Amino acid sequence: MDGLRVIPTWRQGQERLYVCLPDGRNIAWYDREAARVNLLGEDRQDDVLRALGPFITGSVTVGPPPVPTPAELARLALHPDDDLAPNRPGEALLVALDRDPGPTRRLRPDPRRRALEAEQAVGEALDRLDGAGWHALHSVPLPGGSRIHHLLIGPGGLFALHTLYARKQRVTVADPMVTLGRRMSDPLLSRLRADADRASYALTAEVRPVLTLVEPASVSVPAAPREVRVLTDPDVPALAGHGGVLKPADVEALHAMARDRNTWMRV
């Protein structure tokens, strides 16, 4: 096989198998999900296919890499420090807990860890929508210290999701107030609408606010809140049922814009 090596890598949760020369240069890669072998030069096609033989399943397309779209080129041009796509669900909380874990012994659980649990549960559900033409970004920072927990972009439009840990508690939503158990009411819906408005301004597209309650004992919504959709965590996948708002090219362009940290600096 002329010394060719096959090296598996992961990019944004997808496996790729790179075919490399002895000096480390890549000459091809196999994208399992797309069932395609991308060749950087046709002169080594037979050698590449022999090297990949043990790894290829089913029929594949062989040819030069597809021409990148404008959205893909924009992503490639992003500096890693400005790219929000690698953010994990609850990224801001993970960083805060790493910097200040808090006392090892405390009378009550750290509320940051409960909030993190909620964001991770919702974020994982959103990430599973990726194959259906949707993209999720997590912990999108806004000037002033605020942030959007999750931004979902897809055929059905854009949604700014705020998660609230509510395990085994009764939640009452009376616009703009949200009451969790016996705690004092909080005008949370006003903040959600304000953050969605800021996101709409940054992306020049409508962003709809969503309050996502994680594991509540019960939810009472006497009257539908203005503009804000209220969901529980099992209902999150239903957002993918929306369609007919954005074309695939528009989804990719908005995702490329939203993942750039600089986009959010002007709101």
C-alpha atoms as a PDB file:
ATOM      1  CA  MET A   1       0.000   0.000   0.000  1.00  0.00           C
ATOM      2  CA  ASP A   2       3.024   2.235  -0.524  1.00  0.00           C
ATOM      3  CA  GLY A   3       3.233   3.131   3.161  1.00  0.00           C
ATOM      4  CA  LEU A   4      -0.191   4.782   3.320  1.00  0.00           C
ATOM      5  CA  ARG A   5      -1.684   5.055   6.812  1.00  0.00           C
ATOM      6  CA  VAL A   6      -5.339   5.359   7.826  1.00  0.00           C
ATOM      7  CA  ILE A   7      -5.880   7.630  10.827  1.00  0.00           C
ATOM      8  CA  PRO A   8      -9.344   7.985  12.422  1.00  0.00           C
ATOM      9  CA  THR A   9     -10.358  11.435  13.728  1.00  0.00           C
ATOM     10  CA  TRP A  10     -13.509  13.066  15.031  1.00  0.00           C
ATOM     11  CA  ARG A  11     -14.806  16.407  13.766  1.00  0.00           C
ATOM     12  CA  GLN A  12     -17.918  17.903  15.403  1.00  0.00           C
ATOM     13  CA  GLY A  13     -19.073  14.457  16.531  1.00  0.00           C
ATOM     14  CA  GLN A  14     -18.546  12.788  13.137  1.00  0.00           C
ATOM     15  CA  GLU A  15     -15.870  10.227  12.386  1.00  0.00           C
ATOM     16  CA  ARG A  16     -13.511  10.702   9.448  1.00  0.00           C
ATOM     17  CA  LEU A  17     -10.753   8.356   8.300  1.00  0.00           C
ATOM     18  CA  TYR A  18      -7.788  10.220   6.842  1.00  0.00           C
ATOM     19  CA  VAL A  19      -5.357   8.529   4.459  1.00  0.00           C
ATOM     20  CA  CYS A  20      -1.827   9.871   4.985  1.00  0.00           C
ATOM     21  CA  LEU A  21       1.529   9.552   3.264  1.00  0.00           C
ATOM     22  CA  PRO A  22       4.571   8.434   5.301  1.00  0.00           C
ATOM     23  CA  ASP A  23       5.492  12.109   5.808  1.00  0.00           C
ATOM     24  CA  GLY A  24       2.095  12.818   7.392  1.00  0.00           C
ATOM     25  CA  ARG A  25       0.441  14.651   4.507  1.00  0.00           C
ATOM     26  CA  ASN A  26      -3.233  13.860   3.890  1.00  0.00           C
ATOM     27  CA  ILE A  27      -4.174  12.689   0.416  1.00  0.00           C
ATOM     28  CA  ALA A  28      -7.763  11.595   1.057  1.00  0.00           C
ATOM     29  CA  TRP A  29     -10.419  11.092   3.699  1.00  0.00           C
ATOM     30  CA  TYR A  30     -13.422   8.826   4.082  1.00  0.00           C
ATOM     31  CA  ASP A  31     -16.605  10.408   5.437  1.00  0.00           C
ATOM     32  CA  ARG A  32     -18.693   7.519   6.794  1.00  0.00           C
ATOM     33  CA  GLU A  33     -21.891   9.512   7.216  1.00  0.00           C
ATOM     34  CA  ALA A  34     -21.788  10.854   3.648  1.00  0.00           C
ATOM     35  CA  ALA A  35     -20.492   7.496   2.277  1.00  0.00           C
ATOM     36  CA  ARG A  36     -17.884   9.403   0.293  1.00  0.00           C
ATOM     37  CA  VAL A  37     -14.133   9.122  -0.250  1.00  0.00           C
ATOM     38  CA  ASN A  38     -12.672  12.558  -0.951  1.00  0.00           C
ATOM     39  CA  LEU A  39      -9.459  12.525  -2.995  1.00  0.00           C
ATOM     40  CA  LEU A  40      -6.983  15.384  -3.060  1.00  0.00           C
ATOM     41  CA  GLY A  41      -5.378  13.861  -6.154  1.00  0.00           C
ATOM     42  CA  GLU A  42      -6.638  11.216  -8.577  1.00  0.00           C
ATOM     43  CA  ASP A  43      -3.203   9.670  -9.162  1.00  0.00           C
ATOM     44  CA  ARG A  44      -3.384   7.634  -5.934  1.00  0.00           C
ATOM     45  CA  GLN A  45      -7.033   6.581  -6.108  1.00  0.00           C
ATOM     46  CA  ASP A  46      -6.369   2.836  -6.323  1.00  0.00           C
ATOM     47  CA  ASP A  47      -3.877   2.973  -3.435  1.00  0.00           C
ATOM     48  CA  VAL A  48      -6.297   4.982  -1.304  1.00  0.00           C
ATOM     49  CA  LEU A  49      -9.173   2.579  -1.891  1.00  0.00           C
ATOM     50  CA  ARG A  50      -6.957  -0.411  -1.027  1.00  0.00           C
ATOM     51  CA  ALA A  51      -5.883   1.274   2.215  1.00  0.00           C
ATOM     52  CA  LEU A  52      -9.493   2.057   3.127  1.00  0.00           C
ATOM     53  CA  GLY A  53     -10.778  -1.366   2.053  1.00  0.00           C
ATOM     54  CA  PRO A  54     -11.104  -2.829   5.586  1.00  0.00           C
ATOM     55  CA  PHE A  55     -13.037   0.241   6.759  1.00  0.00           C
ATOM     56  CA  ILE A  56     -15.509   0.869   3.926  1.00  0.00           C
ATOM     57  CA  THR A  57     -18.990  -0.559   4.318  1.00  0.00           C
ATOM     58  CA  GLY A  58     -21.468  -0.550   1.453  1.00  0.00           C
ATOM     59  CA  SER A  59     -21.168   1.537  -1.688  1.00  0.00           C
ATOM     60  CA  VAL A  60     -19.332   4.856  -1.626  1.00  0.00           C
ATOM     61  CA  THR A  61     -18.867   7.845  -3.897  1.00  0.00           C
ATOM     62  CA  VAL A  62     -15.280   8.630  -4.878  1.00  0.00           C
ATOM     63  CA  GLY A  63     -14.111  12.004  -6.119  1.00  0.00           C
ATOM     64  CA  PRO A  64     -12.580  15.371  -5.264  1.00  0.00           C
ATOM     65  CA  PRO A  65     -13.846  17.183  -2.161  1.00  0.00           C
ATOM     66  CA  PRO A  66     -17.068  19.135  -2.760  1.00  0.00           C
ATOM     67  CA  VAL A  67     -16.691  22.852  -3.275  1.00  0.00           C
ATOM     68  CA  PRO A  68     -17.323  24.559   0.083  1.00  0.00           C
ATOM     69  CA  THR A  69     -20.394  26.721   0.402  1.00  0.00           C
ATOM     70  CA  PRO A  70     -20.093  30.366   1.502  1.00  0.00           C
ATOM     71  CA  ALA A  71     -21.259  29.302   4.989  1.00  0.00           C
ATOM     72  CA  GLU A  72     -18.540  26.633   5.186  1.00  0.00           C
ATOM     73  CA  LEU A  73     -15.905  29.105   4.071  1.00  0.00           C
ATOM     74  CA  ALA A  74     -17.047  31.503   6.787  1.00  0.00           C
ATOM     75  CA  ARG A  75     -16.677  28.768   9.398  1.00  0.00           C
ATOM     76  CA  LEU A  76     -13.196  27.910   8.161  1.00  0.00           C
ATOM     77  CA  ALA A  77     -12.183  31.556   8.481  1.00  0.00           C
ATOM     78  CA  LEU A  78     -13.185  31.732  12.158  1.00  0.00           C
ATOM     79  CA  HIS A  79     -10.450  31.957  14.763  1.00  0.00           C
ATOM     80  CA  PRO A  80     -10.875  29.068  17.255  1.00  0.00           C
ATOM     81  CA  ASP A  81     -11.317  31.556  20.115  1.00  0.00           C
ATOM     82  CA  ASP A  82     -14.256  33.148  18.289  1.00  0.00           C
ATOM     83  CA  ASP A  83     -16.030  29.903  17.366  1.00  0.00           C
ATOM     84  CA  LEU A  84     -18.958  29.112  19.692  1.00  0.00           C
ATOM     85  CA  ALA A  85     -19.811  25.793  18.021  1.00  0.00           C
ATOM     86  CA  PRO A  86     -17.544  23.694  20.306  1.00  0.00           C
ATOM     87  CA  ASN A  87     -19.325  25.029  23.414  1.00  0.00           C
ATOM     88  CA  ARG A  88     -20.761  22.192  25.495  1.00  0.00           C
ATOM     89  CA  PRO A  89     -24.228  22.469  27.030  1.00  0.00           C
ATOM     90  CA  GLY A  90     -23.732  24.510  30.193  1.00  0.00           C
ATOM     91  CA  GLU A  91     -20.282  25.662  29.060  1.00  0.00           C
ATOM     92  CA  ALA A  92     -20.384  28.861  31.134  1.00  0.00           C
ATOM     93  CA  LEU A  93     -21.371  26.921  34.262  1.00  0.00           C
ATOM     94  CA  LEU A  94     -18.686  24.306  33.652  1.00  0.00           C
ATOM     95  CA  VAL A  95     -16.046  27.038  33.460  1.00  0.00           C
ATOM     96  CA  ALA A  96     -17.405  28.760  36.581  1.00  0.00           C
ATOM     97  CA  LEU A  97     -17.415  25.523  38.588  1.00  0.00           C
ATOM     98  CA  ASP A  98     -13.925  24.688  37.431  1.00  0.00           C
ATOM     99  CA  ARG A  99     -12.651  28.084  38.601  1.00  0.00           C
ATOM    100  CA  ASP A 100     -14.606  28.049  41.863  1.00  0.00           C
ATOM    101  CA  PRO A 101     -15.911  24.606  42.863  1.00  0.00           C
ATOM    102  CA  GLY A 102     -17.244  25.991  46.134  1.00  0.00           C
ATOM    103  CA  PRO A 103     -16.956  24.342  49.549  1.00  0.00           C
ATOM    104  CA  THR A 104     -16.816  20.547  49.612  1.00  0.00           C
ATOM    105  CA  ARG A 105     -19.407  20.455  52.374  1.00  0.00           C
ATOM    106  CA  ARG A 106     -22.503  22.595  52.224  1.00  0.00           C
ATOM    107  CA  LEU A 107     -25.971  22.382  53.761  1.00  0.00           C
ATOM    108  CA  ARG A 108     -27.703  22.659  50.384  1.00  0.00           C
ATOM    109  CA  PRO A 109     -26.625  21.526  46.909  1.00  0.00           C
ATOM    110  CA  ASP A 110     -24.848  24.155  44.838  1.00  0.00           C
ATOM    111  CA  PRO A 111     -27.582  25.711  42.629  1.00  0.00           C
ATOM    112  CA  ARG A 112     -25.037  26.005  39.811  1.00  0.00           C
ATOM    113  CA  ARG A 113     -24.795  22.213  39.607  1.00  0.00           C
ATOM    114  CA  ARG A 114     -28.558  21.869  39.368  1.00  0.00           C
ATOM    115  CA  ALA A 115     -28.654  24.508  36.655  1.00  0.00           C
ATOM    116  CA  LEU A 116     -25.850  22.666  34.850  1.00  0.00           C
ATOM    117  CA  GLU A 117     -27.790  19.402  35.057  1.00  0.00           C
ATOM    118  CA  ALA A 118     -30.774  21.102  33.431  1.00  0.00           C
ATOM    119  CA  GLU A 119     -28.741  22.690  30.635  1.00  0.00           C
ATOM    120  CA  GLN A 120     -26.972  19.428  29.882  1.00  0.00           C
ATOM    121  CA  ALA A 121     -30.254  17.501  29.653  1.00  0.00           C
ATOM    122  CA  VAL A 122     -31.804  20.011  27.251  1.00  0.00           C
ATOM    123  CA  GLY A 123     -28.563  20.535  25.313  1.00  0.00           C
ATOM    124  CA  GLU A 124     -28.143  16.821  24.646  1.00  0.00           C
ATOM    125  CA  ALA A 125     -31.703  16.617  23.337  1.00  0.00           C
ATOM    126  CA  LEU A 126     -31.037  19.552  21.006  1.00  0.00           C
ATOM    127  CA  ASP A 127     -27.761  18.094  19.748  1.00  0.00           C
ATOM    128  CA  ARG A 128     -29.631  14.969  18.664  1.00  0.00           C
ATOM    129  CA  LEU A 129     -31.623  17.129  16.211  1.00  0.00           C
ATOM    130  CA  ASP A 130     -28.474  17.862  14.183  1.00  0.00           C
ATOM    131  CA  GLY A 131     -29.134  15.105  11.650  1.00  0.00           C
ATOM    132  CA  ALA A 132     -32.567  16.570  10.871  1.00  0.00           C
ATOM    133  CA  GLY A 133     -31.112  19.801   9.486  1.00  0.00           C
ATOM    134  CA  TRP A 134     -30.983  21.692  12.787  1.00  0.00           C
ATOM    135  CA  HIS A 135     -28.005  23.261  14.565  1.00  0.00           C
ATOM    136  CA  ALA A 136     -27.730  24.009  18.282  1.00  0.00           C
ATOM    137  CA  LEU A 137     -25.323  26.442  19.929  1.00  0.00           C
ATOM    138  CA  HIS A 138     -24.860  26.507  23.691  1.00  0.00           C
ATOM    139  CA  SER A 139     -23.970  29.223  26.208  1.00  0.00           C
ATOM    140  CA  VAL A 140     -24.113  32.062  23.680  1.00  0.00           C
ATOM    141  CA  PRO A 141     -22.637  35.101  25.487  1.00  0.00           C
ATOM    142  CA  LEU A 142     -24.318  38.487  25.396  1.00  0.00           C
ATOM    143  CA  PRO A 143     -22.710  41.780  26.459  1.00  0.00           C
ATOM    144  CA  GLY A 144     -23.358  42.612  30.087  1.00  0.00           C
ATOM    145  CA  GLY A 145     -22.888  39.091  31.410  1.00  0.00           C
ATOM    146  CA  SER A 146     -26.159  37.610  30.156  1.00  0.00           C
ATOM    147  CA  ARG A 147     -26.250  34.570  27.895  1.00  0.00           C
ATOM    148  CA  ILE A 148     -28.615  32.455  25.849  1.00  0.00           C
ATOM    149  CA  HIS A 149     -28.567  28.919  27.237  1.00  0.00           C
ATOM    150  CA  HIS A 150     -29.276  27.324  23.858  1.00  0.00           C
ATOM    151  CA  LEU A 151     -29.849  28.724  20.376  1.00  0.00           C
ATOM    152  CA  LEU A 152     -31.569  26.353  17.951  1.00  0.00           C
ATOM    153  CA  ILE A 153     -31.472  27.091  14.211  1.00  0.00           C
ATOM    154  CA  GLY A 154     -33.260  25.019  11.597  1.00  0.00           C
ATOM    155  CA  PRO A 155     -35.990  24.741   8.976  1.00  0.00           C
ATOM    156  CA  GLY A 156     -38.592  25.911  11.488  1.00  0.00           C
ATOM    157  CA  GLY A 157     -36.732  29.105  12.368  1.00  0.00           C
ATOM    158  CA  LEU A 158     -34.666  30.214  15.354  1.00  0.00           C
ATOM    159  CA  PHE A 159     -35.389  29.541  19.019  1.00  0.00           C
ATOM    160  CA  ALA A 160     -33.648  30.918  22.116  1.00  0.00           C
ATOM    161  CA  LEU A 161     -34.114  28.364  24.909  1.00  0.00           C
ATOM    162  CA  HIS A 162     -33.754  29.122  28.603  1.00  0.00           C
ATOM    163  CA  THR A 163     -33.662  26.057  30.864  1.00  0.00           C
ATOM    164  CA  LEU A 164     -34.945  26.007  34.425  1.00  0.00           C
ATOM    165  CA  TYR A 165     -34.237  23.192  36.886  1.00  0.00           C
ATOM    166  CA  ALA A 166     -37.622  22.347  38.408  1.00  0.00           C
ATOM    167  CA  ARG A 167     -37.303  18.756  39.567  1.00  0.00           C
ATOM    168  CA  LYS A 168     -40.346  17.621  41.591  1.00  0.00           C
ATOM    169  CA  GLN A 169     -41.554  21.193  41.985  1.00  0.00           C
ATOM    170  CA  ARG A 170     -44.736  22.914  40.954  1.00  0.00           C
ATOM    171  CA  VAL A 171     -44.199  25.689  38.430  1.00  0.00           C
ATOM    172  CA  THR A 172     -46.656  28.513  37.809  1.00  0.00           C
ATOM    173  CA  VAL A 173     -46.209  30.734  34.771  1.00  0.00           C
ATOM    174  CA  ALA A 174     -48.203  33.981  34.950  1.00  0.00           C
ATOM    175  CA  ASP A 175     -46.674  36.344  32.425  1.00  0.00           C
ATOM    176  CA  PRO A 176     -44.159  37.788  33.124  1.00  0.00           C
ATOM    177  CA  MET A 177     -43.708  35.982  36.452  1.00  0.00           C
ATOM    178  CA  VAL A 178     -42.460  32.421  36.948  1.00  0.00           C
ATOM    179  CA  THR A 179     -42.904  30.842  40.375  1.00  0.00           C
ATOM    180  CA  LEU A 180     -40.942  27.734  41.286  1.00  0.00           C
ATOM    181  CA  GLY A 181     -42.326  25.846  44.265  1.00  0.00           C
ATOM    182  CA  ARG A 182     -42.672  28.187  47.230  1.00  0.00           C
ATOM    183  CA  ARG A 183     -39.964  30.543  46.083  1.00  0.00           C
ATOM    184  CA  MET A 184     -40.516  34.198  45.298  1.00  0.00           C
ATOM    185  CA  SER A 185     -41.840  34.874  41.804  1.00  0.00           C
ATOM    186  CA  ASP A 186     -39.341  36.061  39.198  1.00  0.00           C
ATOM    187  CA  PRO A 187     -40.107  38.162  36.061  1.00  0.00           C
ATOM    188  CA  LEU A 188     -38.200  35.620  33.998  1.00  0.00           C
ATOM    189  CA  LEU A 189     -40.300  35.894  30.837  1.00  0.00           C
ATOM    190  CA  SER A 190     -39.388  39.563  30.446  1.00  0.00           C
ATOM    191  CA  ARG A 191     -35.703  38.637  30.381  1.00  0.00           C
ATOM    192  CA  LEU A 192     -36.325  35.832  27.903  1.00  0.00           C
ATOM    193  CA  ARG A 193     -38.106  38.207  25.518  1.00  0.00           C
ATOM    194  CA  ALA A 194     -35.356  40.789  25.898  1.00  0.00           C
ATOM    195  CA  ASP A 195     -32.617  38.225  25.143  1.00  0.00           C
ATOM    196  CA  ALA A 196     -34.547  36.921  22.125  1.00  0.00           C
ATOM    197  CA  ASP A 197     -34.927  40.505  20.857  1.00  0.00           C
ATOM    198  CA  ARG A 198     -31.171  41.002  21.199  1.00  0.00           C
ATOM    199  CA  ALA A 199     -30.556  37.782  19.276  1.00  0.00           C
ATOM    200  CA  SER A 200     -32.982  38.895  16.558  1.00  0.00           C
ATOM    201  CA  TYR A 201     -31.074  42.163  16.223  1.00  0.00           C
ATOM    202  CA  ALA A 202     -27.705  40.390  16.018  1.00  0.00           C
ATOM    203  CA  LEU A 203     -28.829  37.869  13.408  1.00  0.00           C
ATOM    204  CA  THR A 204     -31.322  40.094  11.550  1.00  0.00           C
ATOM    205  CA  ALA A 205     -33.862  37.279  11.815  1.00  0.00           C
ATOM    206  CA  GLU A 206     -36.747  36.509  14.162  1.00  0.00           C
ATOM    207  CA  VAL A 207     -35.695  34.537  17.243  1.00  0.00           C
ATOM    208  CA  ARG A 208     -38.495  33.091  19.371  1.00  0.00           C
ATOM    209  CA  PRO A 209     -38.020  32.650  23.131  1.00  0.00           C
ATOM    210  CA  VAL A 210     -38.687  29.281  24.783  1.00  0.00           C
ATOM    211  CA  LEU A 211     -38.813  28.494  28.502  1.00  0.00           C
ATOM    212  CA  THR A 212     -37.857  24.855  29.085  1.00  0.00           C
ATOM    213  CA  LEU A 213     -38.735  23.368  32.474  1.00  0.00           C
ATOM    214  CA  VAL A 214     -36.697  20.324  33.468  1.00  0.00           C
ATOM    215  CA  GLU A 215     -38.503  17.584  35.408  1.00  0.00           C
ATOM    216  CA  PRO A 216     -41.265  19.678  37.029  1.00  0.00           C
ATOM    217  CA  ALA A 217     -43.857  17.972  39.206  1.00  0.00           C
ATOM    218  CA  SER A 218     -46.586  20.070  37.559  1.00  0.00           C
ATOM    219  CA  VAL A 219     -46.907  23.132  35.354  1.00  0.00           C
ATOM    220  CA  SER A 220     -49.683  25.713  35.598  1.00  0.00           C
ATOM    221  CA  VAL A 221     -50.074  28.272  32.806  1.00  0.00           C
ATOM    222  CA  PRO A 222     -53.355  30.130  33.390  1.00  0.00           C
ATOM    223  CA  ALA A 223     -52.964  32.143  30.182  1.00  0.00           C
ATOM    224  CA  ALA A 224     -50.600  31.693  27.259  1.00  0.00           C
ATOM    225  CA  PRO A 225     -47.598  34.014  27.711  1.00  0.00           C
ATOM    226  CA  ARG A 226     -46.983  36.666  25.101  1.00  0.00           C
ATOM    227  CA  GLU A 227     -44.465  35.394  22.503  1.00  0.00           C
ATOM    228  CA  VAL A 228     -42.855  32.850  24.886  1.00  0.00           C
ATOM    229  CA  ARG A 229     -43.393  29.138  24.405  1.00  0.00           C
ATOM    230  CA  VAL A 230     -43.326  27.016  27.595  1.00  0.00           C
ATOM    231  CA  LEU A 231     -42.075  23.413  27.290  1.00  0.00           C
ATOM    232  CA  THR A 232     -40.948  20.617  29.567  1.00  0.00           C
ATOM    233  CA  ASP A 233     -37.759  18.727  28.711  1.00  0.00           C
ATOM    234  CA  PRO A 234     -39.519  15.718  27.027  1.00  0.00           C
ATOM    235  CA  ASP A 235     -41.160  18.175  24.598  1.00  0.00           C
ATOM    236  CA  VAL A 236     -37.870  19.601  23.287  1.00  0.00           C
ATOM    237  CA  PRO A 237     -37.565  17.225  20.276  1.00  0.00           C
ATOM    238  CA  ALA A 238     -40.964  18.448  19.075  1.00  0.00           C
ATOM    239  CA  LEU A 239     -39.316  21.718  18.052  1.00  0.00           C
ATOM    240  CA  ALA A 240     -37.879  19.826  15.077  1.00  0.00           C
ATOM    241  CA  GLY A 241     -41.411  19.306  13.826  1.00  0.00           C
ATOM    242  CA  HIS A 242     -41.557  22.939  12.759  1.00  0.00           C
ATOM    243  CA  GLY A 243     -40.670  23.625   9.143  1.00  0.00           C
ATOM    244  CA  GLY A 244     -41.294  25.789   6.128  1.00  0.00           C
ATOM    245  CA  VAL A 245     -39.629  28.901   7.508  1.00  0.00           C
ATOM    246  CA  LEU A 246     -35.984  28.702   6.406  1.00  0.00           C
ATOM    247  CA  LYS A 247     -34.338  27.108   3.389  1.00  0.00           C
ATOM    248  CA  PRO A 248     -31.262  24.895   4.010  1.00  0.00           C
ATOM    249  CA  ALA A 249     -28.928  27.593   2.657  1.00  0.00           C
ATOM    250  CA  ASP A 250     -30.454  30.153   5.032  1.00  0.00           C
ATOM    251  CA  VAL A 251     -30.049  27.760   7.977  1.00  0.00           C
ATOM    252  CA  GLU A 252     -26.362  27.297   7.195  1.00  0.00           C
ATOM    253  CA  ALA A 253     -25.762  31.014   6.711  1.00  0.00           C
ATOM    254  CA  LEU A 254     -27.450  31.904  10.015  1.00  0.00           C
ATOM    255  CA  HIS A 255     -25.565  29.154  11.818  1.00  0.00           C
ATOM    256  CA  ALA A 256     -22.268  30.464  10.453  1.00  0.00           C
ATOM    257  CA  MET A 257     -23.162  33.960  11.651  1.00  0.00           C
ATOM    258  CA  ALA A 258     -24.402  32.823  15.066  1.00  0.00           C
ATOM    259  CA  ARG A 259     -21.363  30.722  15.896  1.00  0.00           C
ATOM    260  CA  ASP A 260     -19.077  33.759  15.487  1.00  0.00           C
ATOM    261  CA  ARG A 261     -18.565  35.348  18.914  1.00  0.00           C
ATOM    262  CA  ASN A 262     -18.119  38.755  17.270  1.00  0.00           C
ATOM    263  CA  THR A 263     -21.715  38.654  16.032  1.00  0.00           C
ATOM    264  CA  TRP A 264     -22.919  39.062  19.607  1.00  0.00           C
ATOM    265  CA  MET A 265     -20.617  41.918  20.581  1.00  0.00           C
ATOM    266  CA  ARG A 266     -22.871  44.549  19.031  1.00  0.00           C
ATOM    267  CA  VAL A 267     -26.067  43.779  20.969  1.00  0.00           C
END
